[in-house]
Amino acid sequence: MDKLINYQNIIKEILTNYQRISAQVPDPDIDELLMFDDQRSQYLWFNIGWKNDRRIQAISVYIRIKNEKIYIEEDWTEEGIANDLLRENVPKEDIVLAFHDPETRKLTDFAVV
C-alpha cells in the first residue's frame, strides 16, 4: 500500500476511535466532529457549540501529512497521538511534533521537519 494512503488510513482510524470513546459521555450542547480531507491530507477532531452562553470552539487533534511525514499540529489527548502512531508501526522519523517549535523538536526522539 502507498505510504500516503497507509498514513491517511491510520490517522482516520485513530481519530475515529478517540471520537467513539469520547461520544460515550456526550454533551448535548456541544457537537464533537471529525473532518477528514484526504485530498489535502488534513485531519481534525474538534468540538463546537454553546455552553452557558459561551461559544465553544476547541480543536482536540489536528494532524496533516506533509512531505511524507505526519505533522501533529495540535494534540489534547491524554497519552498523545504520537504514541498511537508508533503502535501502528509509524517510524519516529516520520512523526513531527509540530506543536513544539523546531528547537524543542530537536530534543525529542521524533523528526524535526
PDB file of N, CA and C in Angstrom:
ATOM      1  N   MET A   1       0.845  -1.179   0.000  1.00  0.00           N
ATOM      2  CA  MET A   1       0.000   0.000   0.000  1.00  0.00           C
ATOM      3  C   MET A   1       0.889   1.241   0.000  1.00  0.00           C
ATOM      4  N   ASP A   2       0.482   2.225  -0.745  1.00  0.00           N
ATOM      5  CA  ASP A   2       1.176   3.500  -0.809  1.00  0.00           C
ATOM      6  C   ASP A   2       1.308   4.101   0.603  1.00  0.00           C
ATOM      7  N   LYS A   3       2.473   4.666   0.896  1.00  0.00           N
ATOM      8  CA  LYS A   3       2.748   5.225   2.223  1.00  0.00           C
ATOM      9  C   LYS A   3       1.730   6.294   2.610  1.00  0.00           C
ATOM     10  N   LEU A   4       1.396   7.203   1.691  1.00  0.00           N
ATOM     11  CA  LEU A   4       0.451   8.265   1.991  1.00  0.00           C
ATOM     12  C   LEU A   4      -0.920   7.693   2.351  1.00  0.00           C
ATOM     13  N   ILE A   5      -1.410   6.781   1.551  1.00  0.00           N
ATOM     14  CA  ILE A   5      -2.724   6.181   1.822  1.00  0.00           C
ATOM     15  C   ILE A   5      -2.701   5.414   3.142  1.00  0.00           C
ATOM     16  N   ASN A   6      -1.628   4.710   3.403  1.00  0.00           N
ATOM     17  CA  ASN A   6      -1.483   3.987   4.664  1.00  0.00           C
ATOM     18  C   ASN A   6      -1.550   4.955   5.852  1.00  0.00           C
ATOM     19  N   TYR A   7      -0.797   6.052   5.791  1.00  0.00           N
ATOM     20  CA  TYR A   7      -0.813   7.033   6.874  1.00  0.00           C
ATOM     21  C   TYR A   7      -2.184   7.677   7.019  1.00  0.00           C
ATOM     22  N   GLN A   8      -2.829   7.987   5.909  1.00  0.00           N
ATOM     23  CA  GLN A   8      -4.170   8.563   5.974  1.00  0.00           C
ATOM     24  C   GLN A   8      -5.133   7.613   6.683  1.00  0.00           C
ATOM     25  N   ASN A   9      -5.072   6.340   6.332  1.00  0.00           N
ATOM     26  CA  ASN A   9      -5.964   5.347   6.942  1.00  0.00           C
ATOM     27  C   ASN A   9      -5.682   5.174   8.430  1.00  0.00           C
ATOM     28  N   ILE A  10      -4.416   5.158   8.804  1.00  0.00           N
ATOM     29  CA  ILE A  10      -4.052   5.029  10.222  1.00  0.00           C
ATOM     30  C   ILE A  10      -4.596   6.214  11.015  1.00  0.00           C
ATOM     31  N   ILE A  11      -4.382   7.419  10.509  1.00  0.00           N
ATOM     32  CA  ILE A  11      -4.847   8.625  11.205  1.00  0.00           C
ATOM     33  C   ILE A  11      -6.367   8.602  11.356  1.00  0.00           C
ATOM     34  N   LYS A  12      -7.082   8.280  10.293  1.00  0.00           N
ATOM     35  CA  LYS A  12      -8.540   8.252  10.360  1.00  0.00           C
ATOM     36  C   LYS A  12      -9.031   7.212  11.364  1.00  0.00           C
ATOM     37  N   GLU A  13      -8.397   6.071  11.394  1.00  0.00           N
ATOM     38  CA  GLU A  13      -8.793   5.030  12.349  1.00  0.00           C
ATOM     39  C   GLU A  13      -8.554   5.487  13.790  1.00  0.00           C
ATOM     40  N   ILE A  14      -7.405   6.075  14.052  1.00  0.00           N
ATOM     41  CA  ILE A  14      -7.088   6.542  15.408  1.00  0.00           C
ATOM     42  C   ILE A  14      -8.086   7.613  15.854  1.00  0.00           C
ATOM     43  N   LEU A  15      -8.317   8.612  15.011  1.00  0.00           N
ATOM     44  CA  LEU A  15      -9.229   9.687  15.388  1.00  0.00           C
ATOM     45  C   LEU A  15     -10.663   9.188  15.549  1.00  0.00           C
ATOM     46  N   THR A  16     -11.080   8.274  14.705  1.00  0.00           N
ATOM     47  CA  THR A  16     -12.418   7.702  14.828  1.00  0.00           C
ATOM     48  C   THR A  16     -12.562   6.959  16.154  1.00  0.00           C
ATOM     49  N   ASN A  17     -11.544   6.231  16.553  1.00  0.00           N
ATOM     50  CA  ASN A  17     -11.587   5.521  17.835  1.00  0.00           C
ATOM     51  C   ASN A  17     -11.671   6.491  19.010  1.00  0.00           C
ATOM     52  N   TYR A  18     -10.891   7.569  18.975  1.00  0.00           N
ATOM     53  CA  TYR A  18     -10.954   8.569  20.040  1.00  0.00           C
ATOM     54  C   TYR A  18     -12.342   9.198  20.114  1.00  0.00           C
ATOM     55  N   GLN A  19     -12.882   9.562  18.971  1.00  0.00           N
ATOM     56  CA  GLN A  19     -14.196  10.199  18.951  1.00  0.00           C
ATOM     57  C   GLN A  19     -15.265   9.234  19.443  1.00  0.00           C
ATOM     58  N   ARG A  20     -15.155   7.975  19.080  1.00  0.00           N
ATOM     59  CA  ARG A  20     -16.119   6.956  19.517  1.00  0.00           C
ATOM     60  C   ARG A  20     -16.097   6.816  21.046  1.00  0.00           C
ATOM     61  N   ILE A  21     -14.912   6.812  21.622  1.00  0.00           N
ATOM     62  CA  ILE A  21     -14.792   6.707  23.086  1.00  0.00           C
ATOM     63  C   ILE A  21     -15.365   7.957  23.748  1.00  0.00           C
ATOM     64  N   SER A  22     -15.001   9.110  23.231  1.00  0.00           N
ATOM     65  CA  SER A  22     -15.469  10.372  23.798  1.00  0.00           C
ATOM     66  C   SER A  22     -16.991  10.504  23.704  1.00  0.00           C
ATOM     67  N   ALA A  23     -17.584   9.997  22.647  1.00  0.00           N
ATOM     68  CA  ALA A  23     -19.032  10.088  22.443  1.00  0.00           C
ATOM     69  C   ALA A  23     -19.822   9.272  23.464  1.00  0.00           C
ATOM     70  N   GLN A  24     -19.160   8.417  24.214  1.00  0.00           N
ATOM     71  CA  GLN A  24     -19.850   7.623  25.233  1.00  0.00           C
ATOM     72  C   GLN A  24     -20.309   8.492  26.400  1.00  0.00           C
ATOM     73  N   VAL A  25     -19.724   9.686  26.515  1.00  0.00           N
ATOM     74  CA  VAL A  25     -20.136  10.646  27.539  1.00  0.00           C
ATOM     75  C   VAL A  25     -20.502  11.946  26.809  1.00  0.00           C
ATOM     76  N   PRO A  26     -21.648  11.951  26.137  1.00  0.00           N
ATOM     77  CA  PRO A  26     -21.993  13.103  25.288  1.00  0.00           C
ATOM     78  C   PRO A  26     -22.391  14.339  26.084  1.00  0.00           C
ATOM     79  N   ASP A  27     -22.173  15.480  25.478  1.00  0.00           N
ATOM     80  CA  ASP A  27     -22.656  16.760  25.993  1.00  0.00           C
ATOM     81  C   ASP A  27     -23.672  17.262  24.972  1.00  0.00           C
ATOM     82  N   PRO A  28     -24.944  17.367  25.345  1.00  0.00           N
ATOM     83  CA  PRO A  28     -25.967  17.723  24.366  1.00  0.00           C
ATOM     84  C   PRO A  28     -25.790  19.117  23.751  1.00  0.00           C
ATOM     85  N   ASP A  29     -25.013  19.976  24.385  1.00  0.00           N
ATOM     86  CA  ASP A  29     -24.807  21.335  23.879  1.00  0.00           C
ATOM     87  C   ASP A  29     -23.610  21.460  22.951  1.00  0.00           C
ATOM     88  N   ILE A  30     -22.780  20.445  22.913  1.00  0.00           N
ATOM     89  CA  ILE A  30     -21.530  20.507  22.146  1.00  0.00           C
ATOM     90  C   ILE A  30     -21.530  19.392  21.109  1.00  0.00           C
ATOM     91  N   ASP A  31     -21.245  19.759  19.871  1.00  0.00           N
ATOM     92  CA  ASP A  31     -21.085  18.765  18.808  1.00  0.00           C
ATOM     93  C   ASP A  31     -19.611  18.401  18.703  1.00  0.00           C
ATOM     94  N   GLU A  32     -19.360  17.130  18.675  1.00  0.00           N
ATOM     95  CA  GLU A  32     -17.999  16.613  18.530  1.00  0.00           C
ATOM     96  C   GLU A  32     -17.870  16.103  17.097  1.00  0.00           C
ATOM     97  N   LEU A  33     -16.952  16.675  16.339  1.00  0.00           N
ATOM     98  CA  LEU A  33     -16.894  16.408  14.911  1.00  0.00           C
ATOM     99  C   LEU A  33     -15.531  15.910  14.460  1.00  0.00           C
ATOM    100  N   LEU A  34     -15.566  15.089  13.430  1.00  0.00           N
ATOM    101  CA  LEU A  34     -14.362  14.659  12.737  1.00  0.00           C
ATOM    102  C   LEU A  34     -14.426  15.216  11.319  1.00  0.00           C
ATOM    103  N   MET A  35     -13.314  15.709  10.842  1.00  0.00           N
ATOM    104  CA  MET A  35     -13.233  16.164   9.462  1.00  0.00           C
ATOM    105  C   MET A  35     -11.981  15.560   8.846  1.00  0.00           C
ATOM    106  N   PHE A  36     -12.183  14.814   7.774  1.00  0.00           N
ATOM    107  CA  PHE A  36     -11.080  14.158   7.075  1.00  0.00           C
ATOM    108  C   PHE A  36     -10.993  14.710   5.659  1.00  0.00           C
ATOM    109  N   ASP A  37      -9.858  15.218   5.273  1.00  0.00           N
ATOM    110  CA  ASP A  37      -9.632  15.736   3.927  1.00  0.00           C
ATOM    111  C   ASP A  37      -8.441  14.984   3.338  1.00  0.00           C
ATOM    112  N   ASP A  38      -8.722  13.880   2.652  1.00  0.00           N
ATOM    113  CA  ASP A  38      -7.648  13.070   2.072  1.00  0.00           C
ATOM    114  C   ASP A  38      -6.938  13.792   0.927  1.00  0.00           C
ATOM    115  N   GLN A  39      -7.646  14.632   0.215  1.00  0.00           N
ATOM    116  CA  GLN A  39      -7.030  15.343  -0.908  1.00  0.00           C
ATOM    117  C   GLN A  39      -5.904  16.255  -0.423  1.00  0.00           C
ATOM    118  N   ARG A  40      -6.108  16.908   0.718  1.00  0.00           N
ATOM    119  CA  ARG A  40      -5.101  17.808   1.275  1.00  0.00           C
ATOM    120  C   ARG A  40      -4.356  17.186   2.458  1.00  0.00           C
ATOM    121  N   SER A  41      -4.705  15.962   2.807  1.00  0.00           N
ATOM    122  CA  SER A  41      -4.083  15.222   3.918  1.00  0.00           C
ATOM    123  C   SER A  41      -4.130  16.013   5.223  1.00  0.00           C
ATOM    124  N   GLN A  42      -5.342  16.438   5.582  1.00  0.00           N
ATOM    125  CA  GLN A  42      -5.556  17.156   6.830  1.00  0.00           C
ATOM    126  C   GLN A  42      -6.701  16.499   7.589  1.00  0.00           C
ATOM    127  N   TYR A  43      -6.524  16.383   8.919  1.00  0.00           N
ATOM    128  CA  TYR A  43      -7.466  15.629   9.738  1.00  0.00           C
ATOM    129  C   TYR A  43      -7.714  16.362  11.052  1.00  0.00           C
ATOM    130  N   LEU A  44      -8.991  16.552  11.374  1.00  0.00           N
ATOM    131  CA  LEU A  44      -9.390  17.299  12.560  1.00  0.00           C
ATOM    132  C   LEU A  44     -10.389  16.521  13.402  1.00  0.00           C
ATOM    133  N   TRP A  45     -10.230  16.659  14.695  1.00  0.00           N
ATOM    134  CA  TRP A  45     -11.236  16.212  15.663  1.00  0.00           C
ATOM    135  C   TRP A  45     -11.476  17.425  16.549  1.00  0.00           C
ATOM    136  N   PHE A  46     -12.700  17.950  16.556  1.00  0.00           N
ATOM    137  CA  PHE A  46     -12.943  19.179  17.291  1.00  0.00           C
ATOM    138  C   PHE A  46     -14.355  19.224  17.868  1.00  0.00           C
ATOM    139  N   ASN A  47     -14.552  20.187  18.766  1.00  0.00           N
ATOM    140  CA  ASN A  47     -15.832  20.408  19.430  1.00  0.00           C
ATOM    141  C   ASN A  47     -16.318  21.810  19.092  1.00  0.00           C
ATOM    142  N   ILE A  48     -17.633  21.933  18.908  1.00  0.00           N
ATOM    143  CA  ILE A  48     -18.206  23.234  18.609  1.00  0.00           C
ATOM    144  C   ILE A  48     -19.620  23.293  19.167  1.00  0.00           C
ATOM    145  N   GLY A  49     -20.016  24.451  19.667  1.00  0.00           N
ATOM    146  CA  GLY A  49     -21.358  24.624  20.206  1.00  0.00           C
ATOM    147  C   GLY A  49     -21.414  25.797  21.164  1.00  0.00           C
ATOM    148  N   TRP A  50     -22.432  25.782  22.017  1.00  0.00           N
ATOM    149  CA  TRP A  50     -22.638  26.834  23.010  1.00  0.00           C
ATOM    150  C   TRP A  50     -22.829  26.197  24.372  1.00  0.00           C
ATOM    151  N   LYS A  51     -22.201  26.769  25.384  1.00  0.00           N
ATOM    152  CA  LYS A  51     -22.330  26.264  26.755  1.00  0.00           C
ATOM    153  C   LYS A  51     -22.397  27.471  27.689  1.00  0.00           C
ATOM    154  N   ASN A  52     -23.494  27.590  28.421  1.00  0.00           N
ATOM    155  CA  ASN A  52     -23.670  28.706  29.358  1.00  0.00           C
ATOM    156  C   ASN A  52     -23.432  30.054  28.671  1.00  0.00           C
ATOM    157  N   ASP A  53     -24.045  30.240  27.537  1.00  0.00           N
ATOM    158  CA  ASP A  53     -23.942  31.481  26.751  1.00  0.00           C
ATOM    159  C   ASP A  53     -22.528  31.782  26.254  1.00  0.00           C
ATOM    160  N   ARG A  54     -21.678  30.790  26.225  1.00  0.00           N
ATOM    161  CA  ARG A  54     -20.313  30.961  25.702  1.00  0.00           C
ATOM    162  C   ARG A  54     -20.124  30.067  24.495  1.00  0.00           C
ATOM    163  N   ARG A  55     -19.476  30.595  23.485  1.00  0.00           N
ATOM    164  CA  ARG A  55     -19.176  29.833  22.269  1.00  0.00           C
ATOM    165  C   ARG A  55     -18.021  28.890  22.564  1.00  0.00           C
ATOM    166  N   ILE A  56     -18.202  27.634  22.210  1.00  0.00           N
ATOM    167  CA  ILE A  56     -17.160  26.621  22.377  1.00  0.00           C
ATOM    168  C   ILE A  56     -16.623  26.265  20.997  1.00  0.00           C
ATOM    169  N   GLN A  57     -15.331  26.411  20.829  1.00  0.00           N
ATOM    170  CA  GLN A  57     -14.634  26.016  19.608  1.00  0.00           C
ATOM    171  C   GLN A  57     -13.288  25.467  20.052  1.00  0.00           C
ATOM    172  N   ALA A  58     -13.151  24.174  20.060  1.00  0.00           N
ATOM    173  CA  ALA A  58     -11.931  23.576  20.596  1.00  0.00           C
ATOM    174  C   ALA A  58     -11.441  22.457  19.691  1.00  0.00           C
ATOM    175  N   ILE A  59     -10.202  22.574  19.275  1.00  0.00           N
ATOM    176  CA  ILE A  59      -9.574  21.516  18.498  1.00  0.00           C
ATOM    177  C   ILE A  59      -8.958  20.521  19.474  1.00  0.00           C
ATOM    178  N   SER A  60      -9.368  19.271  19.377  1.00  0.00           N
ATOM    179  CA  SER A  60      -8.761  18.212  20.194  1.00  0.00           C
ATOM    180  C   SER A  60      -7.496  17.697  19.517  1.00  0.00           C
ATOM    181  N   VAL A  61      -7.590  17.452  18.204  1.00  0.00           N
ATOM    182  CA  VAL A  61      -6.437  16.960  17.440  1.00  0.00           C
ATOM    183  C   VAL A  61      -6.497  17.541  16.034  1.00  0.00           C
ATOM    184  N   TYR A  62      -5.344  18.024  15.575  1.00  0.00           N
ATOM    185  CA  TYR A  62      -5.194  18.448  14.185  1.00  0.00           C
ATOM    186  C   TYR A  62      -3.905  17.835  13.660  1.00  0.00           C
ATOM    187  N   ILE A  63      -4.037  17.039  12.616  1.00  0.00           N
ATOM    188  CA  ILE A  63      -2.894  16.349  12.009  1.00  0.00           C
ATOM    189  C   ILE A  63      -2.907  16.630  10.517  1.00  0.00           C
ATOM    190  N   ARG A  64      -1.726  16.798   9.957  1.00  0.00           N
ATOM    191  CA  ARG A  64      -1.618  16.894   8.499  1.00  0.00           C
ATOM    192  C   ARG A  64      -0.408  16.100   8.043  1.00  0.00           C
ATOM    193  N   ILE A  65      -0.450  15.655   6.826  1.00  0.00           N
ATOM    194  CA  ILE A  65       0.677  14.930   6.240  1.00  0.00           C
ATOM    195  C   ILE A  65       1.337  15.877   5.250  1.00  0.00           C
ATOM    196  N   LYS A  66       2.635  16.029   5.424  1.00  0.00           N
ATOM    197  CA  LYS A  66       3.410  16.951   4.594  1.00  0.00           C
ATOM    198  C   LYS A  66       4.767  16.309   4.336  1.00  0.00           C
ATOM    199  N   ASN A  67       5.176  16.280   3.083  1.00  0.00           N
ATOM    200  CA  ASN A  67       6.474  15.710   2.708  1.00  0.00           C
ATOM    201  C   ASN A  67       6.659  14.291   3.262  1.00  0.00           C
ATOM    202  N   GLU A  68       5.584  13.495   3.170  1.00  0.00           N
ATOM    203  CA  GLU A  68       5.567  12.094   3.614  1.00  0.00           C
ATOM    204  C   GLU A  68       5.792  11.912   5.113  1.00  0.00           C
ATOM    205  N   LYS A  69       5.548  12.983   5.884  1.00  0.00           N
ATOM    206  CA  LYS A  69       5.647  12.894   7.340  1.00  0.00           C
ATOM    207  C   LYS A  69       4.329  13.339   7.947  1.00  0.00           C
ATOM    208  N   ILE A  70       4.055  12.818   9.129  1.00  0.00           N
ATOM    209  CA  ILE A  70       2.834  13.152   9.849  1.00  0.00           C
ATOM    210  C   ILE A  70       3.160  14.282  10.817  1.00  0.00           C
ATOM    211  N   TYR A  71       2.545  15.434  10.584  1.00  0.00           N
ATOM    212  CA  TYR A  71       2.729  16.603  11.441  1.00  0.00           C
ATOM    213  C   TYR A  71       1.560  16.678  12.421  1.00  0.00           C
ATOM    214  N   ILE A  72       1.864  16.540  13.697  1.00  0.00           N
ATOM    215  CA  ILE A  72       0.849  16.678  14.737  1.00  0.00           C
ATOM    216  C   ILE A  72       0.860  18.146  15.150  1.00  0.00           C
ATOM    217  N   GLU A  73      -0.121  18.883  14.672  1.00  0.00           N
ATOM    218  CA  GLU A  73      -0.173  20.329  14.898  1.00  0.00           C
ATOM    219  C   GLU A  73      -0.826  20.676  16.234  1.00  0.00           C
ATOM    220  N   GLU A  74      -1.790  19.867  16.646  1.00  0.00           N
ATOM    221  CA  GLU A  74      -2.498  20.078  17.902  1.00  0.00           C
ATOM    222  C   GLU A  74      -2.854  18.711  18.456  1.00  0.00           C
ATOM    223  N   ASP A  75      -2.670  18.532  19.763  1.00  0.00           N
ATOM    224  CA  ASP A  75      -2.962  17.233  20.375  1.00  0.00           C
ATOM    225  C   ASP A  75      -3.300  17.420  21.842  1.00  0.00           C
ATOM    226  N   TRP A  76      -4.577  17.285  22.163  1.00  0.00           N
ATOM    227  CA  TRP A  76      -5.029  17.407  23.551  1.00  0.00           C
ATOM    228  C   TRP A  76      -5.486  16.055  24.100  1.00  0.00           C
ATOM    229  N   THR A  77      -4.974  14.971  23.530  1.00  0.00           N
ATOM    230  CA  THR A  77      -5.290  13.652  24.084  1.00  0.00           C
ATOM    231  C   THR A  77      -4.400  13.403  25.285  1.00  0.00           C
ATOM    232  N   GLU A  78      -4.838  12.511  26.131  1.00  0.00           N
ATOM    233  CA  GLU A  78      -4.109  12.250  27.369  1.00  0.00           C
ATOM    234  C   GLU A  78      -2.738  11.620  27.114  1.00  0.00           C
ATOM    235  N   GLU A  79      -2.702  10.616  26.282  1.00  0.00           N
ATOM    236  CA  GLU A  79      -1.460   9.876  26.048  1.00  0.00           C
ATOM    237  C   GLU A  79      -0.644  10.439  24.886  1.00  0.00           C
ATOM    238  N   GLY A  80      -1.307  11.078  23.960  1.00  0.00           N
ATOM    239  CA  GLY A  80      -0.618  11.635  22.803  1.00  0.00           C
ATOM    240  C   GLY A  80      -0.790  10.774  21.568  1.00  0.00           C
ATOM    241  N   ILE A  81      -1.191  11.412  20.477  1.00  0.00           N
ATOM    242  CA  ILE A  81      -1.414  10.721  19.209  1.00  0.00           C
ATOM    243  C   ILE A  81      -0.128  10.071  18.707  1.00  0.00           C
ATOM    244  N   ALA A  82       1.015  10.670  18.994  1.00  0.00           N
ATOM    245  CA  ALA A  82       2.290  10.093  18.540  1.00  0.00           C
ATOM    246  C   ALA A  82       2.451   8.663  19.036  1.00  0.00           C
ATOM    247  N   ASN A  83       2.037   8.390  20.255  1.00  0.00           N
ATOM    248  CA  ASN A  83       2.135   7.027  20.792  1.00  0.00           C
ATOM    249  C   ASN A  83       1.217   6.065  20.043  1.00  0.00           C
ATOM    250  N   ASP A  84       0.042   6.540  19.662  1.00  0.00           N
ATOM    251  CA  ASP A  84      -0.856   5.705  18.862  1.00  0.00           C
ATOM    252  C   ASP A  84      -0.237   5.405  17.494  1.00  0.00           C
ATOM    253  N   LEU A  85       0.390   6.411  16.902  1.00  0.00           N
ATOM    254  CA  LEU A  85       1.049   6.212  15.605  1.00  0.00           C
ATOM    255  C   LEU A  85       2.189   5.201  15.722  1.00  0.00           C
ATOM    256  N   LEU A  86       2.957   5.289  16.790  1.00  0.00           N
ATOM    257  CA  LEU A  86       4.050   4.330  16.998  1.00  0.00           C
ATOM    258  C   LEU A  86       3.508   2.907  17.125  1.00  0.00           C
ATOM    259  N   ARG A  87       2.389   2.743  17.829  1.00  0.00           N
ATOM    260  CA  ARG A  87       1.776   1.410  17.970  1.00  0.00           C
ATOM    261  C   ARG A  87       1.321   0.863  16.622  1.00  0.00           C
ATOM    262  N   GLU A  88       1.065   1.770  15.680  1.00  0.00           N
ATOM    263  CA  GLU A  88       0.671   1.356  14.328  1.00  0.00           C
ATOM    264  C   GLU A  88       1.889   1.231  13.409  1.00  0.00           C
ATOM    265  N   ASN A  89       3.068   1.191  14.004  1.00  0.00           N
ATOM    266  CA  ASN A  89       4.340   0.992  13.287  1.00  0.00           C
ATOM    267  C   ASN A  89       4.742   2.150  12.382  1.00  0.00           C
ATOM    268  N   VAL A  90       4.288   3.355  12.702  1.00  0.00           N
ATOM    269  CA  VAL A  90       4.797   4.540  12.006  1.00  0.00           C
ATOM    270  C   VAL A  90       6.142   4.861  12.645  1.00  0.00           C
ATOM    271  N   PRO A  91       7.213   4.944  11.863  1.00  0.00           N
ATOM    272  CA  PRO A  91       8.531   5.227  12.443  1.00  0.00           C
ATOM    273  C   PRO A  91       8.616   6.642  13.032  1.00  0.00           C
ATOM    274  N   LYS A  92       9.395   6.778  14.107  1.00  0.00           N
ATOM    275  CA  LYS A  92       9.561   8.074  14.771  1.00  0.00           C
ATOM    276  C   LYS A  92      10.044   9.149  13.807  1.00  0.00           C
ATOM    277  N   GLU A  93      10.865   8.759  12.852  1.00  0.00           N
ATOM    278  CA  GLU A  93      11.399   9.752  11.914  1.00  0.00           C
ATOM    279  C   GLU A  93      10.342  10.256  10.922  1.00  0.00           C
ATOM    280  N   ASP A  94       9.140   9.669  10.952  1.00  0.00           N
ATOM    281  CA  ASP A  94       8.041  10.136  10.105  1.00  0.00           C
ATOM    282  C   ASP A  94       6.984  10.896  10.902  1.00  0.00           C
ATOM    283  N   ILE A  95       7.261  11.173  12.169  1.00  0.00           N
ATOM    284  CA  ILE A  95       6.317  11.891  13.032  1.00  0.00           C
ATOM    285  C   ILE A  95       6.967  13.193  13.484  1.00  0.00           C
ATOM    286  N   VAL A  96       6.288  14.303  13.240  1.00  0.00           N
ATOM    287  CA  VAL A  96       6.773  15.619  13.655  1.00  0.00           C
ATOM    288  C   VAL A  96       5.820  16.165  14.710  1.00  0.00           C
ATOM    289  N   LEU A  97       6.367  16.495  15.877  1.00  0.00           N
ATOM    290  CA  LEU A  97       5.562  17.112  16.926  1.00  0.00           C
ATOM    291  C   LEU A  97       5.523  18.609  16.642  1.00  0.00           C
ATOM    292  N   ALA A  98       4.699  18.986  15.671  1.00  0.00           N
ATOM    293  CA  ALA A  98       4.692  20.351  15.146  1.00  0.00           C
ATOM    294  C   ALA A  98       4.151  21.381  16.128  1.00  0.00           C
ATOM    295  N   PHE A  99       3.543  20.929  17.219  1.00  0.00           N
ATOM    296  CA  PHE A  99       3.077  21.867  18.239  1.00  0.00           C
ATOM    297  C   PHE A  99       4.241  22.399  19.064  1.00  0.00           C
ATOM    298  N   HIS A 100       5.429  21.804  18.899  1.00  0.00           N
ATOM    299  CA  HIS A 100       6.664  22.324  19.510  1.00  0.00           C
ATOM    300  C   HIS A 100       7.425  23.132  18.467  1.00  0.00           C
ATOM    301  N   ASP A 101       8.147  24.132  18.921  1.00  0.00           N
ATOM    302  CA  ASP A 101       8.981  24.893  17.990  1.00  0.00           C
ATOM    303  C   ASP A 101      10.139  24.006  17.521  1.00  0.00           C
ATOM    304  N   PRO A 102      10.759  24.331  16.373  1.00  0.00           N
ATOM    305  CA  PRO A 102      11.825  23.476  15.816  1.00  0.00           C
ATOM    306  C   PRO A 102      12.992  23.202  16.770  1.00  0.00           C
ATOM    307  N   GLU A 103      13.346  24.151  17.597  1.00  0.00           N
ATOM    308  CA  GLU A 103      14.445  23.926  18.549  1.00  0.00           C
ATOM    309  C   GLU A 103      14.065  22.886  19.590  1.00  0.00           C
ATOM    310  N   THR A 104      12.844  22.947  20.084  1.00  0.00           N
ATOM    311  CA  THR A 104      12.374  21.969  21.072  1.00  0.00           C
ATOM    312  C   THR A 104      12.245  20.588  20.440  1.00  0.00           C
ATOM    313  N   ARG A 105      11.821  20.537  19.179  1.00  0.00           N
ATOM    314  CA  ARG A 105      11.689  19.251  18.484  1.00  0.00           C
ATOM    315  C   ARG A 105      13.015  18.499  18.453  1.00  0.00           C
ATOM    316  N   LYS A 106      14.114  19.210  18.400  1.00  0.00           N
ATOM    317  CA  LYS A 106      15.432  18.576  18.378  1.00  0.00           C
ATOM    318  C   LYS A 106      15.706  17.781  19.646  1.00  0.00           C
ATOM    319  N   LEU A 107      15.006  18.109  20.719  1.00  0.00           N
ATOM    320  CA  LEU A 107      15.202  17.436  21.991  1.00  0.00           C
ATOM    321  C   LEU A 107      14.333  16.190  22.145  1.00  0.00           C
ATOM    322  N   THR A 108      13.498  15.920  21.136  1.00  0.00           N
ATOM    323  CA  THR A 108      12.625  14.740  21.186  1.00  0.00           C
ATOM    324  C   THR A 108      13.237  13.624  20.359  1.00  0.00           C
ATOM    325  N   ASP A 109      12.625  12.464  20.422  1.00  0.00           N
ATOM    326  CA  ASP A 109      13.061  11.327  19.610  1.00  0.00           C
ATOM    327  C   ASP A 109      12.404  11.318  18.241  1.00  0.00           C
ATOM    328  N   PHE A 110      11.601  12.353  17.967  1.00  0.00           N
ATOM    329  CA  PHE A 110      10.855  12.400  16.723  1.00  0.00           C
ATOM    330  C   PHE A 110      11.528  13.307  15.705  1.00  0.00           C
ATOM    331  N   ALA A 111      10.958  13.349  14.504  1.00  0.00           N
ATOM    332  CA  ALA A 111      11.523  14.167  13.435  1.00  0.00           C
ATOM    333  C   ALA A 111      11.418  15.653  13.769  1.00  0.00           C
ATOM    334  N   VAL A 112      12.343  16.441  13.231  1.00  0.00           N
ATOM    335  CA  VAL A 112      12.323  17.881  13.428  1.00  0.00           C
ATOM    336  C   VAL A 112      11.472  18.537  12.357  1.00  0.00           C
ATOM    337  N   VAL A 113      11.634  18.096  11.106  1.00  0.00           N
ATOM    338  CA  VAL A 113      10.811  18.567   9.969  1.00  0.00           C
ATOM    339  C   VAL A 113      10.563  17.402   9.027  1.00  0.00           C
TER     340      VAL A 113
END
